[in-house]
N, C-alpha and C. Protein backbone atom coordinates (compact mmCIF):
# COMPACT_ATOMS: atom_id res chain seq x y z
N UNK A 1 -24.91 42.51 58.78
CA UNK A 1 -26.33 42.79 58.80
C UNK A 1 -27.10 41.47 58.76
N UNK A 2 -28.15 41.40 59.54
CA UNK A 2 -28.97 40.19 59.57
C UNK A 2 -30.05 40.25 58.49
N UNK A 3 -30.36 39.09 57.94
CA UNK A 3 -31.39 38.97 56.91
C UNK A 3 -32.34 37.83 57.28
N UNK A 4 -33.57 37.95 56.83
CA UNK A 4 -34.55 36.88 57.03
C UNK A 4 -34.65 36.08 55.74
N UNK A 5 -34.44 34.78 55.85
CA UNK A 5 -34.55 33.88 54.71
C UNK A 5 -35.50 32.75 55.05
N UNK A 6 -36.17 32.24 54.03
CA UNK A 6 -37.07 31.10 54.16
C UNK A 6 -36.66 30.08 53.11
N UNK A 7 -37.20 28.88 53.25
CA UNK A 7 -36.86 27.87 52.27
C UNK A 7 -37.58 26.58 52.52
N UNK A 8 -37.12 25.58 51.78
CA UNK A 8 -37.64 24.22 51.92
C UNK A 8 -36.48 23.32 52.27
N UNK A 9 -36.72 22.46 53.25
CA UNK A 9 -35.70 21.51 53.68
C UNK A 9 -36.31 20.11 53.66
N UNK A 10 -35.48 19.14 53.27
CA UNK A 10 -35.88 17.73 53.27
C UNK A 10 -34.74 16.91 53.86
N UNK A 11 -34.85 15.61 53.81
CA UNK A 11 -33.76 14.76 54.32
C UNK A 11 -32.48 14.96 53.53
N UNK A 12 -32.57 15.43 52.30
CA UNK A 12 -31.39 15.67 51.47
C UNK A 12 -30.69 16.97 51.83
N UNK A 13 -31.38 17.88 52.53
CA UNK A 13 -30.82 19.17 52.90
C UNK A 13 -31.71 20.31 52.43
N UNK A 14 -31.10 21.46 52.17
CA UNK A 14 -31.87 22.62 51.72
C UNK A 14 -32.21 22.47 50.24
N UNK A 15 -33.49 22.54 49.93
CA UNK A 15 -33.93 22.45 48.54
C UNK A 15 -34.11 23.83 47.93
N UNK A 16 -34.63 24.78 48.69
CA UNK A 16 -34.80 26.16 48.25
C UNK A 16 -34.41 27.09 49.38
N UNK A 17 -33.81 28.23 49.03
CA UNK A 17 -33.34 29.20 50.03
C UNK A 17 -33.56 30.58 49.44
N UNK A 18 -34.51 31.35 49.99
CA UNK A 18 -34.95 32.62 49.40
C UNK A 18 -35.10 33.70 50.47
N UNK A 19 -34.92 34.97 50.08
CA UNK A 19 -35.23 36.06 51.02
C UNK A 19 -36.71 35.97 51.42
N UNK A 20 -36.99 36.30 52.66
CA UNK A 20 -38.37 36.22 53.14
C UNK A 20 -39.25 37.27 52.48
N UNK A 21 -40.40 36.82 52.02
CA UNK A 21 -41.40 37.67 51.39
C UNK A 21 -42.72 36.91 51.50
N UNK A 22 -43.84 37.59 51.79
CA UNK A 22 -45.11 36.87 51.94
C UNK A 22 -45.48 36.01 50.73
N UNK A 23 -45.25 36.50 49.53
CA UNK A 23 -45.58 35.72 48.33
C UNK A 23 -44.69 34.48 48.23
N UNK A 24 -43.44 34.63 48.58
CA UNK A 24 -42.51 33.49 48.55
C UNK A 24 -42.93 32.44 49.56
N UNK A 25 -43.30 32.88 50.74
CA UNK A 25 -43.73 31.95 51.78
C UNK A 25 -44.96 31.17 51.32
N UNK A 26 -45.91 31.84 50.71
CA UNK A 26 -47.11 31.15 50.19
C UNK A 26 -46.72 30.11 49.14
N UNK A 27 -45.82 30.47 48.23
CA UNK A 27 -45.35 29.53 47.20
C UNK A 27 -44.69 28.31 47.84
N UNK A 28 -43.80 28.57 48.80
CA UNK A 28 -43.11 27.47 49.46
C UNK A 28 -44.09 26.54 50.17
N UNK A 29 -45.07 27.14 50.86
CA UNK A 29 -46.03 26.32 51.58
C UNK A 29 -46.83 25.44 50.64
N UNK A 30 -47.27 25.99 49.50
CA UNK A 30 -48.01 25.18 48.52
C UNK A 30 -47.15 24.03 48.01
N UNK A 31 -45.90 24.32 47.75
CA UNK A 31 -44.99 23.27 47.25
C UNK A 31 -44.79 22.17 48.30
N UNK A 32 -44.61 22.56 49.55
CA UNK A 32 -44.41 21.58 50.62
C UNK A 32 -45.65 20.72 50.81
N UNK A 33 -46.82 21.29 50.66
CA UNK A 33 -48.05 20.51 50.81
C UNK A 33 -48.10 19.37 49.79
N UNK A 34 -47.57 19.59 48.61
CA UNK A 34 -47.55 18.54 47.59
C UNK A 34 -46.58 17.41 47.96
N UNK A 35 -45.61 17.70 48.81
CA UNK A 35 -44.61 16.71 49.21
C UNK A 35 -45.12 15.74 50.27
N UNK A 36 -46.22 16.08 50.91
CA UNK A 36 -46.89 15.22 51.91
C UNK A 36 -45.94 14.68 52.98
N UNK A 37 -45.30 15.61 53.70
CA UNK A 37 -44.48 15.22 54.83
C UNK A 37 -43.04 14.88 54.52
N UNK A 38 -42.63 14.98 53.26
CA UNK A 38 -41.24 14.68 52.91
C UNK A 38 -40.36 15.93 52.89
N UNK A 39 -40.98 17.11 52.98
CA UNK A 39 -40.25 18.37 52.99
C UNK A 39 -41.00 19.35 53.89
N UNK A 40 -40.27 20.36 54.38
CA UNK A 40 -40.86 21.32 55.31
C UNK A 40 -40.37 22.72 55.00
N UNK A 41 -41.21 23.71 55.31
CA UNK A 41 -40.82 25.12 55.20
C UNK A 41 -40.02 25.51 56.44
N UNK A 42 -39.00 26.33 56.24
CA UNK A 42 -38.25 26.84 57.38
C UNK A 42 -38.03 28.33 57.23
N UNK A 43 -37.73 28.98 58.34
CA UNK A 43 -37.37 30.40 58.37
C UNK A 43 -36.03 30.50 59.07
N UNK A 44 -35.30 31.57 58.78
CA UNK A 44 -34.03 31.77 59.45
C UNK A 44 -33.69 33.26 59.50
N UNK A 45 -32.94 33.62 60.51
CA UNK A 45 -32.37 34.96 60.63
C UNK A 45 -30.87 34.73 60.59
N UNK A 46 -30.23 35.30 59.57
CA UNK A 46 -28.87 34.91 59.27
C UNK A 46 -28.02 36.10 58.82
N UNK A 47 -26.76 36.17 59.22
CA UNK A 47 -25.89 37.26 58.78
C UNK A 47 -25.67 37.22 57.26
N UNK A 48 -25.48 38.38 56.66
CA UNK A 48 -25.30 38.49 55.20
C UNK A 48 -24.17 37.60 54.69
N UNK A 49 -23.03 37.59 55.40
CA UNK A 49 -21.90 36.78 54.94
C UNK A 49 -22.21 35.29 54.97
N UNK A 50 -23.05 34.86 55.91
CA UNK A 50 -23.47 33.46 55.97
C UNK A 50 -24.40 33.13 54.80
N UNK A 51 -25.26 34.06 54.43
CA UNK A 51 -26.15 33.86 53.27
C UNK A 51 -25.31 33.58 52.04
N UNK A 52 -24.27 34.35 51.83
CA UNK A 52 -23.40 34.17 50.66
C UNK A 52 -22.74 32.80 50.67
N UNK A 53 -22.29 32.37 51.83
CA UNK A 53 -21.66 31.04 51.93
C UNK A 53 -22.65 29.93 51.62
N UNK A 54 -23.86 30.04 52.18
CA UNK A 54 -24.88 29.01 51.94
C UNK A 54 -25.26 28.98 50.47
N UNK A 55 -25.44 30.14 49.85
CA UNK A 55 -25.79 30.18 48.44
C UNK A 55 -24.69 29.58 47.57
N UNK A 56 -23.42 29.83 47.91
CA UNK A 56 -22.30 29.27 47.16
C UNK A 56 -22.28 27.74 47.26
N UNK A 57 -22.54 27.22 48.46
CA UNK A 57 -22.56 25.77 48.65
C UNK A 57 -23.74 25.15 47.90
N UNK A 58 -24.89 25.81 47.93
CA UNK A 58 -26.05 25.32 47.18
C UNK A 58 -25.78 25.32 45.69
N UNK A 59 -25.08 26.33 45.18
CA UNK A 59 -24.75 26.41 43.75
C UNK A 59 -23.88 25.22 43.32
N UNK A 60 -23.14 24.65 44.26
CA UNK A 60 -22.31 23.47 43.97
C UNK A 60 -23.12 22.17 44.08
N UNK A 61 -24.40 22.29 44.47
CA UNK A 61 -25.26 21.12 44.60
C UNK A 61 -25.10 20.38 45.92
N UNK A 62 -24.56 21.05 46.91
CA UNK A 62 -24.30 20.43 48.21
C UNK A 62 -25.37 20.85 49.22
N UNK A 63 -26.56 20.31 49.05
CA UNK A 63 -27.70 20.75 49.86
C UNK A 63 -27.58 20.34 51.33
N UNK A 64 -27.00 19.20 51.62
CA UNK A 64 -26.83 18.75 53.01
C UNK A 64 -25.81 19.65 53.71
N UNK A 65 -24.73 19.97 53.02
CA UNK A 65 -23.71 20.85 53.59
C UNK A 65 -24.27 22.26 53.81
N UNK A 66 -25.15 22.70 52.90
CA UNK A 66 -25.80 24.01 53.06
C UNK A 66 -26.66 24.03 54.32
N UNK A 67 -27.36 22.94 54.59
CA UNK A 67 -28.17 22.84 55.80
C UNK A 67 -27.28 22.87 57.04
N UNK A 68 -26.18 22.17 56.99
CA UNK A 68 -25.24 22.20 58.12
C UNK A 68 -24.76 23.62 58.39
N UNK A 69 -24.41 24.36 57.32
CA UNK A 69 -23.98 25.74 57.46
C UNK A 69 -25.08 26.61 58.07
N UNK A 70 -26.30 26.44 57.57
CA UNK A 70 -27.43 27.21 58.10
C UNK A 70 -27.57 26.98 59.61
N UNK A 71 -27.50 25.73 60.02
CA UNK A 71 -27.66 25.42 61.43
C UNK A 71 -26.52 25.98 62.27
N UNK A 72 -25.34 26.07 61.72
CA UNK A 72 -24.18 26.60 62.45
C UNK A 72 -24.17 28.12 62.51
N UNK A 73 -24.58 28.79 61.40
CA UNK A 73 -24.37 30.22 61.26
C UNK A 73 -25.60 31.09 61.51
N UNK A 74 -26.79 30.51 61.48
CA UNK A 74 -28.01 31.30 61.67
C UNK A 74 -28.11 31.77 63.12
N UNK A 75 -28.59 32.99 63.29
CA UNK A 75 -28.85 33.49 64.65
C UNK A 75 -30.06 32.80 65.25
N UNK A 76 -31.02 32.47 64.39
CA UNK A 76 -32.22 31.76 64.81
C UNK A 76 -32.83 31.10 63.59
N UNK A 77 -33.53 29.99 63.78
CA UNK A 77 -34.21 29.31 62.68
C UNK A 77 -35.26 28.37 63.26
N UNK A 78 -36.17 27.96 62.39
CA UNK A 78 -37.22 27.04 62.82
C UNK A 78 -38.12 26.68 61.66
N UNK A 79 -39.11 25.88 61.94
CA UNK A 79 -40.07 25.46 60.92
C UNK A 79 -41.21 26.46 60.82
N UNK A 80 -41.71 26.67 59.62
CA UNK A 80 -42.93 27.45 59.41
C UNK A 80 -44.10 26.50 59.47
N UNK A 81 -45.14 26.87 60.19
CA UNK A 81 -46.34 26.06 60.25
C UNK A 81 -47.52 26.95 59.87
N UNK A 82 -48.53 26.38 59.24
CA UNK A 82 -49.68 27.19 58.81
C UNK A 82 -50.57 27.57 59.98
N UNK A 83 -51.30 28.68 59.81
CA UNK A 83 -52.36 29.01 60.75
C UNK A 83 -53.46 27.96 60.59
N UNK A 84 -54.38 27.92 61.55
CA UNK A 84 -55.48 26.95 61.50
C UNK A 84 -56.24 27.03 60.18
N UNK A 85 -56.63 28.24 59.78
CA UNK A 85 -57.41 28.37 58.54
C UNK A 85 -56.58 28.11 57.30
N UNK A 86 -55.25 28.26 57.40
CA UNK A 86 -54.40 27.98 56.26
C UNK A 86 -54.21 26.49 56.04
N UNK A 87 -54.44 25.68 57.05
CA UNK A 87 -54.26 24.25 56.89
C UNK A 87 -55.48 23.59 56.26
N UNK A 88 -56.56 24.36 56.07
CA UNK A 88 -57.75 23.83 55.41
C UNK A 88 -57.42 23.58 53.94
N UNK A 89 -58.02 22.56 53.31
CA UNK A 89 -57.68 22.20 51.94
C UNK A 89 -57.80 23.35 50.94
N UNK A 90 -58.69 24.31 51.15
CA UNK A 90 -58.87 25.37 50.18
C UNK A 90 -57.89 26.52 50.39
N UNK A 91 -57.14 26.55 51.46
CA UNK A 91 -56.15 27.59 51.71
C UNK A 91 -54.78 26.96 51.84
N UNK A 92 -53.85 27.35 50.99
CA UNK A 92 -52.52 26.73 51.01
C UNK A 92 -51.43 27.79 51.18
N UNK A 93 -51.58 28.67 52.13
CA UNK A 93 -50.56 29.71 52.33
C UNK A 93 -50.06 29.68 53.76
N UNK A 94 -48.85 30.11 53.96
CA UNK A 94 -48.35 30.30 55.33
C UNK A 94 -47.70 31.67 55.41
N UNK A 95 -47.74 32.26 56.58
CA UNK A 95 -47.20 33.62 56.77
C UNK A 95 -46.02 33.58 57.68
């Protein structure tokens, strides 16, 4: 079964990996804005068994390896970008 996951990625690898939910996406976007270009929000569509593997690797503290797995096993993935009005300083959410 395919699942939608979102998270935060940086040069070190995956920093956060969570099931997709509008509230989670807003939280991630606010956190990434504080990083000022050092981290980015991503989305992915990934098989359940791949999710388990990525979570196990992350639990071992291997964030770069988790990113490699995501890139190999995801059916699709990409960066989340804010809408025009969300990029305004008073709005810090992405959908």
